[in-house]
Amino acid sequence: MGGHSYGGHHHHYGGSRISYSSGGGCTINPKVFFMGLFILFIILYVVIAAAVYPKTSNKATTLSLSETRAMGVSSTWYEKVAVETPTFKRDADNDEVGVQVDDLKFYRFSEKPPLSITESWNTNHTLLSIADYDHYYWSWYFYKGSSIKITWNYNAAITMYFVRSIKGYNAYYDESTSLTKYEIDTVKNPSGSKTYTIAKDDIYFVIFENWRAIGAQGNSTFSITSKLYNVSSFTDSCTPPCEFNVEYGTDDVYVLYTPTVTEYEAAGKGGPNSE
């Protein structure tokens, strides 16, 4: 869910000209008449298209523990909102890897809920090996106000990148100069500790790159404080795979919710990505 930029729409209105005859009647300007018919036709087309041809839109969303994601759905174009949960995802090499997260929930709200919940946790990665001229990365979706502290210690010179957006990761992977638009920080050091406060809702990547001809091994810790939607005021809920019918005339907000790390630990299932 990145930010959206909207361009302004400028409307220029011409004066309607009506000519009066000496007999007391009036004659409407033909240009105004046909323009009115054209506008009426466009309005009718949009209304009929919305009623007869509802759109279908598919969006793949990846969530880890302690993540929520909101989406607005207009009844003008959609009749139904459905959530499916595949049992696998594909990694960068297009290989299938296990992904199913237990206890995923789907909520409906009459208006957007507040981002008033804060969840904090640590995740540790020990004896992680990075091959020569290779990289390793982690990613999370953070809302504004979240924070992450990255601590690492490797036995060889590596570079740590903190990058915003999938476009940013792709720019890194393709060695594109556009990386500078998404690159928040770069630290070329085998060890270090950096803390970042999130200024914009987006997906963020921590990348460790081994740019030498020998392998690197080390440890890394991520201390995360994440902002989450408060889902206590929902109007409907279900456990995916499931769906909601969209009532005409509504603009409801839907939130996907994964259990928090503390909820998972309370259930004896451990934290995310811990090794």
Protein backbone atom coordinates (compact mmCIF):
# COMPACT_ATOMS: atom_id res chain seq x y z
CA MET A 1 0.00 0.00 0.00
CA GLY A 2 2.11 2.86 -1.15
CA GLY A 3 1.10 6.49 -1.43
CA HIS A 4 -1.04 7.69 -4.30
CA SER A 5 -0.61 10.98 -6.05
CA TYR A 6 -3.65 12.55 -7.62
CA GLY A 7 -3.57 15.10 -10.40
CA GLY A 8 -6.00 18.02 -10.36
CA HIS A 9 -8.88 18.09 -12.81
CA HIS A 10 -9.60 21.53 -14.25
CA HIS A 11 -13.10 22.14 -15.64
CA HIS A 12 -13.84 25.11 -17.87
CA TYR A 13 -17.50 26.08 -18.17
CA GLY A 14 -18.84 28.10 -21.10
CA GLY A 15 -21.87 30.34 -20.68
CA SER A 16 -25.16 28.92 -22.01
CA ARG A 17 -26.63 31.19 -24.61
CA ILE A 18 -30.45 31.41 -25.01
CA SER A 19 -31.97 33.54 -27.78
CA TYR A 20 -35.44 34.99 -27.30
CA SER A 21 -37.74 35.65 -30.24
CA SER A 22 -40.08 38.58 -30.48
CA GLY A 23 -43.02 36.23 -30.04
CA GLY A 24 -42.05 35.44 -26.47
CA GLY A 25 -40.63 31.93 -27.12
CA CYS A 26 -36.99 30.90 -26.72
CA THR A 27 -34.52 29.03 -28.87
CA ILE A 28 -31.79 26.94 -27.18
CA ASN A 29 -28.32 27.10 -28.69
CA PRO A 30 -27.88 23.79 -30.62
CA LYS A 31 -24.30 23.40 -29.36
CA VAL A 32 -25.49 23.53 -25.74
CA PHE A 33 -28.31 21.08 -26.50
CA PHE A 34 -26.06 18.46 -28.07
CA MET A 35 -23.42 18.92 -25.38
CA GLY A 36 -26.08 18.22 -22.76
CA LEU A 37 -27.17 15.07 -24.61
CA PHE A 38 -23.55 13.91 -24.82
CA ILE A 39 -23.00 14.38 -21.07
CA LEU A 40 -26.26 12.56 -20.33
CA PHE A 41 -25.16 9.67 -22.54
CA ILE A 42 -21.84 9.38 -20.68
CA ILE A 43 -23.61 9.35 -17.29
CA LEU A 44 -26.05 6.66 -18.43
CA TYR A 45 -23.20 4.58 -19.87
CA VAL A 46 -21.25 4.67 -16.59
CA VAL A 47 -24.32 3.75 -14.53
CA ILE A 48 -25.28 0.86 -16.83
CA ALA A 49 -21.69 -0.40 -17.05
CA ALA A 50 -21.37 -0.37 -13.27
CA ALA A 51 -24.60 -2.35 -12.90
CA VAL A 52 -24.09 -4.83 -15.73
CA TYR A 53 -20.32 -5.22 -15.92
CA PRO A 54 -18.78 -5.30 -12.43
CA LYS A 55 -14.98 -5.32 -12.51
CA THR A 56 -12.77 -8.17 -11.38
CA SER A 57 -9.48 -7.25 -9.73
CA ASN A 58 -6.93 -9.61 -8.20
CA LYS A 59 -4.18 -8.53 -5.85
CA ALA A 60 -1.54 -10.74 -4.25
CA THR A 61 -0.55 -9.65 -0.76
CA THR A 62 2.19 -11.14 1.42
CA LEU A 63 1.93 -10.70 5.18
CA SER A 64 4.07 -12.00 8.01
CA LEU A 65 3.11 -12.10 11.67
CA SER A 66 2.10 -8.80 13.27
CA GLU A 67 0.92 -7.26 10.01
CA THR A 68 -2.37 -5.70 8.96
CA ARG A 69 -3.33 -4.42 5.52
CA ALA A 70 -6.36 -2.26 4.65
CA MET A 71 -8.18 -1.82 1.34
CA GLY A 72 -11.15 0.31 0.33
CA VAL A 73 -13.80 -1.25 -1.92
CA SER A 74 -16.46 0.78 -3.75
CA SER A 75 -19.83 -0.84 -4.46
CA THR A 76 -19.99 1.14 -7.70
CA TRP A 77 -17.67 -1.39 -9.34
CA TYR A 78 -17.55 -4.47 -7.13
CA GLU A 79 -20.16 -6.94 -5.92
CA LYS A 80 -17.98 -9.22 -3.84
CA VAL A 81 -14.68 -9.29 -1.95
CA ALA A 82 -13.02 -12.68 -1.56
CA VAL A 83 -9.79 -13.78 0.11
CA GLU A 84 -7.98 -16.93 -0.95
CA THR A 85 -5.00 -18.40 0.90
CA PRO A 86 -2.55 -20.37 -1.27
CA THR A 87 -0.42 -22.91 0.53
CA PHE A 88 2.76 -21.72 -1.15
CA LYS A 89 4.50 -18.66 -2.50
CA ARG A 90 7.34 -18.29 -5.00
CA ASP A 91 10.74 -16.92 -4.10
CA ALA A 92 13.07 -14.88 -6.32
CA ASP A 93 14.06 -18.05 -8.22
CA ASN A 94 10.36 -18.93 -8.81
CA ASP A 95 10.63 -21.90 -6.45
CA GLU A 96 7.69 -22.88 -4.27
CA VAL A 97 8.24 -22.43 -0.54
CA GLY A 98 5.87 -22.97 2.39
CA VAL A 99 3.97 -19.89 3.45
CA GLN A 100 0.62 -20.61 5.13
CA VAL A 101 0.07 -18.42 8.18
CA ASP A 102 -2.35 -19.86 10.72
CA ASP A 103 -5.21 -17.77 12.10
CA LEU A 104 -5.39 -15.20 9.29
CA LYS A 105 -8.52 -13.03 9.70
CA PHE A 106 -10.52 -10.82 7.34
CA TYR A 107 -12.56 -7.91 8.73
CA ARG A 108 -15.09 -5.44 7.32
CA PHE A 109 -15.52 -1.87 8.64
CA SER A 110 -17.91 0.95 7.77
CA GLU A 111 -14.92 3.33 7.94
CA LYS A 112 -11.16 2.98 8.12
CA PRO A 113 -10.08 1.80 11.60
CA PRO A 114 -7.34 3.65 13.49
CA LEU A 115 -3.67 2.63 13.44
CA SER A 116 -3.65 2.62 17.23
CA ILE A 117 -2.05 -0.74 18.07
CA THR A 118 1.72 -1.11 18.56
CA GLU A 119 3.51 -4.46 18.51
CA SER A 120 7.21 -4.90 19.33
CA TRP A 121 9.41 -7.94 18.86
CA ASN A 122 12.93 -9.15 18.02
CA THR A 123 13.94 -11.67 15.40
CA ASN A 124 17.42 -13.23 15.39
CA HIS A 125 19.34 -14.88 12.57
CA THR A 126 22.51 -16.70 13.62
CA LEU A 127 25.31 -18.28 11.56
CA LEU A 128 23.78 -16.93 8.37
CA SER A 129 25.95 -17.64 5.33
CA ILE A 130 26.05 -15.35 2.28
CA ALA A 131 27.82 -16.74 -0.77
CA ASP A 132 30.42 -14.70 -2.64
CA TYR A 133 28.95 -11.94 -4.82
CA ASP A 134 25.49 -12.70 -3.46
CA HIS A 135 22.94 -11.10 -1.14
CA TYR A 136 20.31 -11.98 1.45
CA TYR A 137 17.22 -9.91 2.25
CA TRP A 138 14.19 -9.60 4.55
CA SER A 139 11.10 -7.49 4.00
CA TRP A 140 8.16 -6.12 6.02
CA TYR A 141 5.27 -3.80 5.32
CA PHE A 142 5.51 -0.85 7.73
CA TYR A 143 3.07 1.97 8.39
CA LYS A 144 4.25 5.47 9.19
CA GLY A 145 5.46 5.67 12.79
CA SER A 146 6.84 2.12 12.92
CA SER A 147 10.54 1.62 13.57
CA ILE A 148 13.28 -0.96 13.07
CA LYS A 149 16.71 -1.40 14.65
CA ILE A 150 19.14 -3.45 12.55
CA THR A 151 22.18 -5.00 14.24
CA TRP A 152 24.67 -7.20 12.41
CA ASN A 153 28.12 -8.75 12.79
CA TYR A 154 29.82 -10.68 9.96
CA ASN A 155 33.29 -12.12 9.48
CA ALA A 156 33.81 -10.37 6.12
CA ALA A 157 33.19 -6.96 4.61
CA ILE A 158 29.53 -6.68 3.55
CA THR A 159 27.17 -3.84 2.63
CA MET A 160 23.84 -3.28 4.38
CA TYR A 161 21.09 -1.59 2.35
CA PHE A 162 17.81 -0.29 3.77
CA VAL A 163 15.46 0.20 0.83
CA ARG A 164 11.82 1.24 0.43
CA SER A 165 9.37 -0.27 -2.09
CA ILE A 166 9.40 -3.30 -4.37
CA LYS A 167 10.57 -0.92 -7.10
CA GLY A 168 13.53 -0.11 -4.86
CA TYR A 169 14.47 -3.77 -4.44
CA ASN A 170 14.11 -4.36 -8.18
CA ALA A 171 16.36 -1.35 -8.83
CA TYR A 172 18.96 -2.83 -6.46
CA TYR A 173 18.70 -6.25 -8.10
CA ASP A 174 19.00 -4.77 -11.61
CA GLU A 175 21.84 -2.45 -10.51
CA SER A 176 19.77 0.50 -11.74
CA THR A 177 20.61 4.11 -10.99
CA SER A 178 16.98 4.61 -9.95
CA LEU A 179 17.88 2.92 -6.64
CA THR A 180 18.78 6.36 -5.26
CA LYS A 181 15.05 7.25 -5.26
CA TYR A 182 14.27 4.42 -2.81
CA GLU A 183 17.55 3.94 -0.94
CA ILE A 184 17.18 5.13 2.65
CA ASP A 185 20.64 4.14 3.83
CA THR A 186 23.73 2.16 2.81
CA VAL A 187 26.40 1.03 5.28
CA LYS A 188 29.54 -0.69 4.01
CA ASN A 189 30.78 -2.38 7.17
CA PRO A 190 30.99 -5.97 8.47
CA SER A 191 29.25 -4.93 11.69
CA GLY A 192 26.99 -2.13 12.84
CA SER A 193 23.73 -1.02 14.42
CA LYS A 194 21.23 1.37 12.84
CA THR A 195 17.72 2.49 13.84
CA TYR A 196 15.15 3.88 11.39
CA THR A 197 11.73 5.45 11.97
CA ILE A 198 9.32 4.87 9.09
CA ALA A 199 8.11 8.05 7.40
CA LYS A 200 5.91 6.52 4.68
CA ASP A 201 3.60 3.49 4.43
CA ASP A 202 5.31 0.91 2.21
CA ILE A 203 7.20 -2.37 2.07
CA TYR A 204 10.82 -2.09 3.30
CA PHE A 205 13.82 -4.29 2.56
CA VAL A 206 16.95 -5.00 4.61
CA ILE A 207 19.61 -6.33 2.23
CA PHE A 208 23.00 -7.75 3.19
CA GLU A 209 25.31 -7.94 0.18
CA ASN A 210 28.59 -9.86 0.08
CA TRP A 211 30.61 -8.14 -2.63
CA ARG A 212 33.79 -10.19 -2.15
CA ALA A 213 35.05 -13.38 -3.80
CA ILE A 214 34.76 -15.39 -0.56
CA GLY A 215 31.71 -16.32 1.47
CA ALA A 216 30.62 -14.42 4.58
CA GLN A 217 29.04 -15.70 7.77
CA GLY A 218 27.55 -13.84 10.69
CA ASN A 219 24.59 -12.88 12.84
CA SER A 220 21.85 -10.28 12.53
CA THR A 221 19.04 -9.07 14.80
CA PHE A 222 15.99 -6.98 13.92
CA SER A 223 14.16 -5.13 16.69
CA ILE A 224 10.81 -4.01 15.29
CA THR A 225 8.02 -1.79 16.57
CA SER A 226 5.11 -1.96 14.14
CA LYS A 227 1.91 0.07 13.91
CA LEU A 228 -1.22 -2.06 13.36
CA TYR A 229 -4.90 -1.38 12.71
CA ASN A 230 -7.21 -1.68 15.71
CA VAL A 231 -9.74 -4.25 14.48
CA SER A 232 -12.00 -4.26 17.56
CA SER A 233 -14.79 -2.22 15.89
CA PHE A 234 -15.40 -4.50 12.89
CA THR A 235 -18.90 -5.00 11.47
CA ASP A 236 -18.22 -8.45 9.96
CA SER A 237 -15.39 -10.97 10.07
CA CYS A 238 -14.44 -14.30 8.56
CA THR A 239 -11.53 -16.73 8.38
CA PRO A 240 -10.05 -17.07 4.87
CA PRO A 241 -10.70 -18.52 2.44
CA CYS A 242 -13.94 -16.55 2.65
CA GLU A 243 -15.84 -13.68 1.03
CA PHE A 244 -18.17 -10.74 1.68
CA ASN A 245 -20.94 -9.41 -0.54
CA VAL A 246 -20.57 -5.69 -1.18
CA GLU A 247 -23.80 -3.79 -0.57
CA TYR A 248 -24.61 -1.16 -3.17
CA GLY A 249 -24.15 2.40 -1.95
CA THR A 250 -21.39 1.52 0.51
CA ASP A 251 -17.67 2.20 0.53
CA ASP A 252 -16.56 -0.23 3.19
CA VAL A 253 -12.98 -0.82 4.30
CA TYR A 254 -11.57 -4.34 4.58
CA VAL A 255 -8.58 -5.35 6.69
CA LEU A 256 -6.45 -8.48 6.50
CA TYR A 257 -5.03 -9.35 9.90
CA THR A 258 -2.34 -11.81 10.91
CA PRO A 259 -1.88 -12.74 14.58
CA THR A 260 0.66 -10.69 16.48
CA VAL A 261 3.95 -12.22 17.53
CA THR A 262 2.86 -12.20 21.19
CA GLU A 263 -0.38 -14.01 20.28
CA TYR A 264 1.62 -16.62 18.40
CA GLU A 265 4.06 -17.07 21.25
CA ALA A 266 1.16 -17.39 23.70
CA ALA A 267 -0.11 -20.25 21.52
CA GLY A 268 3.32 -21.90 21.72
CA LYS A 269 4.13 -21.33 18.04
CA GLY A 270 7.19 -19.08 18.32
CA GLY A 271 8.01 -15.77 16.66
CA PRO A 272 8.47 -14.96 12.96
CA ASN A 273 11.59 -15.92 11.02
CA SER A 274 13.43 -16.96 14.18
CA GLU A 275 16.26 -19.43 13.77
